[in-house]
Amino acid sequence: MALDVLCEVKNCVHNEGGEKCGATSIFIISETGKTASSQQETDCKTFEPIEA
């Protein structure tokens, strides 16, 4: 599990010190439904698809 969650959104209440997220949980979505084929289809810069 990640120890540090980074965030570029400067005006978020959970943004601590300019780049670190202090939220107790993280919610990541896919722009294409419940699955995604690439990082571009998500709002997650660290997305990697599960290898079949």
PDB file of N, CA and C in Angstrom:
ATOM      1  N   MET A   1       0.846  -1.179   0.000  1.00  0.00           N
ATOM      2  CA  MET A   1       0.000   0.000   0.000  1.00  0.00           C
ATOM      3  C   MET A   1       0.892   1.243   0.000  1.00  0.00           C
ATOM      4  N   ALA A   2       0.444   2.251  -0.692  1.00  0.00           N
ATOM      5  CA  ALA A   2       1.217   3.494  -0.782  1.00  0.00           C
ATOM      6  C   ALA A   2       1.264   4.211   0.565  1.00  0.00           C
ATOM      7  N   LEU A   3       2.415   4.726   0.908  1.00  0.00           N
ATOM      8  CA  LEU A   3       2.549   5.500   2.132  1.00  0.00           C
ATOM      9  C   LEU A   3       2.225   6.962   1.894  1.00  0.00           C
ATOM     10  N   ASP A   4       2.523   7.448   0.699  1.00  0.00           N
ATOM     11  CA  ASP A   4       2.260   8.834   0.350  1.00  0.00           C
ATOM     12  C   ASP A   4       1.347   8.891  -0.870  1.00  0.00           C
ATOM     13  N   VAL A   5       0.294   9.665  -0.795  1.00  0.00           N
ATOM     14  CA  VAL A   5      -0.587   9.894  -1.927  1.00  0.00           C
ATOM     15  C   VAL A   5      -0.383  11.340  -2.351  1.00  0.00           C
ATOM     16  N   LEU A   6       0.022  11.539  -3.584  1.00  0.00           N
ATOM     17  CA  LEU A   6       0.315  12.875  -4.077  1.00  0.00           C
ATOM     18  C   LEU A   6      -0.908  13.480  -4.744  1.00  0.00           C
ATOM     19  N   CYS A   7      -1.016  14.805  -4.703  1.00  0.00           N
ATOM     20  CA  CYS A   7      -2.159  15.514  -5.261  1.00  0.00           C
ATOM     21  C   CYS A   7      -1.696  16.845  -5.846  1.00  0.00           C
ATOM     22  N   GLU A   8      -2.137  17.139  -7.077  1.00  0.00           N
ATOM     23  CA  GLU A   8      -1.801  18.405  -7.724  1.00  0.00           C
ATOM     24  C   GLU A   8      -2.846  19.489  -7.488  1.00  0.00           C
ATOM     25  N   VAL A   9      -4.000  19.138  -6.922  1.00  0.00           N
ATOM     26  CA  VAL A   9      -5.109  20.080  -6.778  1.00  0.00           C
ATOM     27  C   VAL A   9      -4.858  20.966  -5.554  1.00  0.00           C
ATOM     28  N   LYS A  10      -4.434  22.183  -5.807  1.00  0.00           N
ATOM     29  CA  LYS A  10      -4.015  23.087  -4.730  1.00  0.00           C
ATOM     30  C   LYS A  10      -5.169  23.545  -3.835  1.00  0.00           C
ATOM     31  N   ASN A  11      -6.409  23.582  -4.368  1.00  0.00           N
ATOM     32  CA  ASN A  11      -7.526  24.100  -3.565  1.00  0.00           C
ATOM     33  C   ASN A  11      -8.385  23.000  -2.945  1.00  0.00           C
ATOM     34  N   CYS A  12      -7.836  21.786  -2.791  1.00  0.00           N
ATOM     35  CA  CYS A  12      -8.563  20.698  -2.119  1.00  0.00           C
ATOM     36  C   CYS A  12      -8.305  20.768  -0.617  1.00  0.00           C
ATOM     37  N   VAL A  13      -9.346  20.563   0.172  1.00  0.00           N
ATOM     38  CA  VAL A  13      -9.236  20.623   1.629  1.00  0.00           C
ATOM     39  C   VAL A  13      -8.272  19.555   2.172  1.00  0.00           C
ATOM     40  N   HIS A  14      -8.081  18.454   1.422  1.00  0.00           N
ATOM     41  CA  HIS A  14      -7.202  17.369   1.870  1.00  0.00           C
ATOM     42  C   HIS A  14      -5.750  17.564   1.456  1.00  0.00           C
ATOM     43  N   ASN A  15      -5.465  18.587   0.641  1.00  0.00           N
ATOM     44  CA  ASN A  15      -4.105  18.819   0.170  1.00  0.00           C
ATOM     45  C   ASN A  15      -3.273  19.396   1.312  1.00  0.00           C
ATOM     46  N   GLU A  16      -2.225  18.660   1.679  1.00  0.00           N
ATOM     47  CA  GLU A  16      -1.346  19.080   2.774  1.00  0.00           C
ATOM     48  C   GLU A  16       0.011  19.478   2.209  1.00  0.00           C
ATOM     49  N   GLY A  17       0.404  20.699   2.396  1.00  0.00           N
ATOM     50  CA  GLY A  17       1.724  21.144   1.989  1.00  0.00           C
ATOM     51  C   GLY A  17       1.916  21.275   0.493  1.00  0.00           C
ATOM     52  N   GLY A  18       0.842  21.340  -0.265  1.00  0.00           N
ATOM     53  CA  GLY A  18       0.965  21.586  -1.687  1.00  0.00           C
ATOM     54  C   GLY A  18       0.949  20.377  -2.591  1.00  0.00           C
ATOM     55  N   GLU A  19       1.338  19.185  -2.109  1.00  0.00           N
ATOM     56  CA  GLU A  19       1.333  18.015  -2.978  1.00  0.00           C
ATOM     57  C   GLU A  19       0.957  16.713  -2.296  1.00  0.00           C
ATOM     58  N   LYS A  20       0.715  16.680  -1.014  1.00  0.00           N
ATOM     59  CA  LYS A  20       0.405  15.436  -0.317  1.00  0.00           C
ATOM     60  C   LYS A  20      -1.062  15.410   0.102  1.00  0.00           C
ATOM     61  N   CYS A  21      -1.745  14.287  -0.190  1.00  0.00           N
ATOM     62  CA  CYS A  21      -3.153  14.136   0.174  1.00  0.00           C
ATOM     63  C   CYS A  21      -3.263  13.587   1.592  1.00  0.00           C
ATOM     64  N   GLY A  22      -4.088  14.218   2.402  1.00  0.00           N
ATOM     65  CA  GLY A  22      -4.284  13.784   3.776  1.00  0.00           C
ATOM     66  C   GLY A  22      -5.626  13.115   4.017  1.00  0.00           C
ATOM     67  N   ALA A  23      -6.364  12.779   2.948  1.00  0.00           N
ATOM     68  CA  ALA A  23      -7.665  12.125   3.094  1.00  0.00           C
ATOM     69  C   ALA A  23      -7.504  10.730   3.703  1.00  0.00           C
ATOM     70  N   THR A  24      -8.509  10.276   4.435  1.00  0.00           N
ATOM     71  CA  THR A  24      -8.455   8.952   5.060  1.00  0.00           C
ATOM     72  C   THR A  24      -8.705   7.822   4.066  1.00  0.00           C
ATOM     73  N   SER A  25      -9.294   8.132   2.918  1.00  0.00           N
ATOM     74  CA  SER A  25      -9.481   7.142   1.859  1.00  0.00           C
ATOM     75  C   SER A  25      -9.412   7.852   0.514  1.00  0.00           C
ATOM     76  N   ILE A  26      -9.164   7.092  -0.541  1.00  0.00           N
ATOM     77  CA  ILE A  26      -9.026   7.630  -1.886  1.00  0.00           C
ATOM     78  C   ILE A  26     -10.053   6.937  -2.782  1.00  0.00           C
ATOM     79  N   PHE A  27     -10.718   7.694  -3.660  1.00  0.00           N
ATOM     80  CA  PHE A  27     -11.712   7.162  -4.587  1.00  0.00           C
ATOM     81  C   PHE A  27     -11.259   7.486  -6.002  1.00  0.00           C
ATOM     82  N   ILE A  28     -10.958   6.455  -6.793  1.00  0.00           N
ATOM     83  CA  ILE A  28     -10.462   6.627  -8.157  1.00  0.00           C
ATOM     84  C   ILE A  28     -11.510   6.095  -9.116  1.00  0.00           C
ATOM     85  N   ILE A  29     -11.757   6.829 -10.202  1.00  0.00           N
ATOM     86  CA  ILE A  29     -12.790   6.403 -11.144  1.00  0.00           C
ATOM     87  C   ILE A  29     -12.216   6.116 -12.527  1.00  0.00           C
ATOM     88  N   SER A  30     -12.953   5.276 -13.256  1.00  0.00           N
ATOM     89  CA  SER A  30     -12.677   5.016 -14.662  1.00  0.00           C
ATOM     90  C   SER A  30     -13.644   5.846 -15.475  1.00  0.00           C
ATOM     91  N   GLU A  31     -13.147   6.487 -16.508  1.00  0.00           N
ATOM     92  CA  GLU A  31     -13.992   7.308 -17.378  1.00  0.00           C
ATOM     93  C   GLU A  31     -14.849   6.442 -18.302  1.00  0.00           C
ATOM     94  N   THR A  32     -14.570   5.128 -18.356  1.00  0.00           N
ATOM     95  CA  THR A  32     -15.243   4.239 -19.302  1.00  0.00           C
ATOM     96  C   THR A  32     -16.080   3.151 -18.626  1.00  0.00           C
ATOM     97  N   GLY A  33     -16.447   3.313 -17.386  1.00  0.00           N
ATOM     98  CA  GLY A  33     -17.233   2.294 -16.684  1.00  0.00           C
ATOM     99  C   GLY A  33     -16.410   1.601 -15.616  1.00  0.00           C
ATOM    100  N   LYS A  34     -16.674   0.323 -15.388  1.00  0.00           N
ATOM    101  CA  LYS A  34     -16.011  -0.413 -14.301  1.00  0.00           C
ATOM    102  C   LYS A  34     -14.623  -0.926 -14.653  1.00  0.00           C
ATOM    103  N   THR A  35     -14.236  -0.890 -15.934  1.00  0.00           N
ATOM    104  CA  THR A  35     -12.896  -1.330 -16.334  1.00  0.00           C
ATOM    105  C   THR A  35     -12.244  -0.265 -17.204  1.00  0.00           C
ATOM    106  N   ALA A  36     -10.928  -0.335 -17.292  1.00  0.00           N
ATOM    107  CA  ALA A  36     -10.172   0.602 -18.124  1.00  0.00           C
ATOM    108  C   ALA A  36      -9.065  -0.166 -18.825  1.00  0.00           C
ATOM    109  N   SER A  37      -8.712   0.285 -20.004  1.00  0.00           N
ATOM    110  CA  SER A  37      -7.643  -0.351 -20.773  1.00  0.00           C
ATOM    111  C   SER A  37      -6.315   0.375 -20.618  1.00  0.00           C
ATOM    112  N   SER A  38      -6.363   1.644 -20.237  1.00  0.00           N
ATOM    113  CA  SER A  38      -5.141   2.438 -20.122  1.00  0.00           C
ATOM    114  C   SER A  38      -5.302   3.502 -19.049  1.00  0.00           C
ATOM    115  N   GLN A  39      -4.192   4.103 -18.659  1.00  0.00           N
ATOM    116  CA  GLN A  39      -4.201   5.162 -17.649  1.00  0.00           C
ATOM    117  C   GLN A  39      -5.019   6.355 -18.124  1.00  0.00           C
ATOM    118  N   GLN A  40      -5.048   6.603 -19.425  1.00  0.00           N
ATOM    119  CA  GLN A  40      -5.784   7.731 -19.969  1.00  0.00           C
ATOM    120  C   GLN A  40      -7.292   7.600 -19.754  1.00  0.00           C
ATOM    121  N   GLU A  41      -7.778   6.398 -19.511  1.00  0.00           N
ATOM    122  CA  GLU A  41      -9.199   6.169 -19.284  1.00  0.00           C
ATOM    123  C   GLU A  41      -9.581   6.287 -17.809  1.00  0.00           C
ATOM    124  N   THR A  42      -8.631   6.657 -16.964  1.00  0.00           N
ATOM    125  CA  THR A  42      -8.890   6.780 -15.531  1.00  0.00           C
ATOM    126  C   THR A  42      -8.512   8.170 -15.042  1.00  0.00           C
ATOM    127  N   ASP A  43      -8.852   8.448 -13.808  1.00  0.00           N
ATOM    128  CA  ASP A  43      -8.381   9.643 -13.129  1.00  0.00           C
ATOM    129  C   ASP A  43      -7.290   9.246 -12.132  1.00  0.00           C
ATOM    130  N   CYS A  44      -6.441   8.308 -12.549  1.00  0.00           N
ATOM    131  CA  CYS A  44      -5.367   7.790 -11.703  1.00  0.00           C
ATOM    132  C   CYS A  44      -4.074   7.755 -12.506  1.00  0.00           C
ATOM    133  N   LYS A  45      -3.094   8.542 -12.139  1.00  0.00           N
ATOM    134  CA  LYS A  45      -1.817   8.590 -12.864  1.00  0.00           C
ATOM    135  C   LYS A  45      -1.002   7.322 -12.685  1.00  0.00           C
ATOM    136  N   THR A  46      -1.292   6.510 -11.667  1.00  0.00           N
ATOM    137  CA  THR A  46      -0.524   5.296 -11.407  1.00  0.00           C
ATOM    138  C   THR A  46      -1.233   4.027 -11.866  1.00  0.00           C
ATOM    139  N   PHE A  47      -2.331   4.159 -12.609  1.00  0.00           N
ATOM    140  CA  PHE A  47      -3.074   2.996 -13.094  1.00  0.00           C
ATOM    141  C   PHE A  47      -2.210   2.091 -13.949  1.00  0.00           C
ATOM    142  N   GLU A  48      -2.293   0.778 -13.680  1.00  0.00           N
ATOM    143  CA  GLU A  48      -1.672  -0.244 -14.520  1.00  0.00           C
ATOM    144  C   GLU A  48      -2.690  -1.362 -14.657  1.00  0.00           C
ATOM    145  N   PRO A  49      -3.014  -1.793 -15.884  1.00  0.00           N
ATOM    146  CA  PRO A  49      -4.006  -2.852 -16.046  1.00  0.00           C
ATOM    147  C   PRO A  49      -3.494  -4.189 -15.508  1.00  0.00           C
ATOM    148  N   ILE A  50      -4.418  -5.029 -15.062  1.00  0.00           N
ATOM    149  CA  ILE A  50      -4.086  -6.381 -14.615  1.00  0.00           C
ATOM    150  C   ILE A  50      -3.719  -7.201 -15.844  1.00  0.00           C
ATOM    151  N   GLU A  51      -2.584  -7.888 -15.789  1.00  0.00           N
ATOM    152  CA  GLU A  51      -2.179  -8.709 -16.912  1.00  0.00           C
ATOM    153  C   GLU A  51      -2.993  -9.986 -16.933  1.00  0.00           C
ATOM    154  N   ALA A  52      -3.463 -10.356 -18.112  1.00  0.00           N
ATOM    155  CA  ALA A  52      -4.286 -11.571 -18.250  1.00  0.00           C
ATOM    156  C   ALA A  52      -3.439 -12.820 -18.241  1.00  0.00           C
TER     157      ALA A  52
END
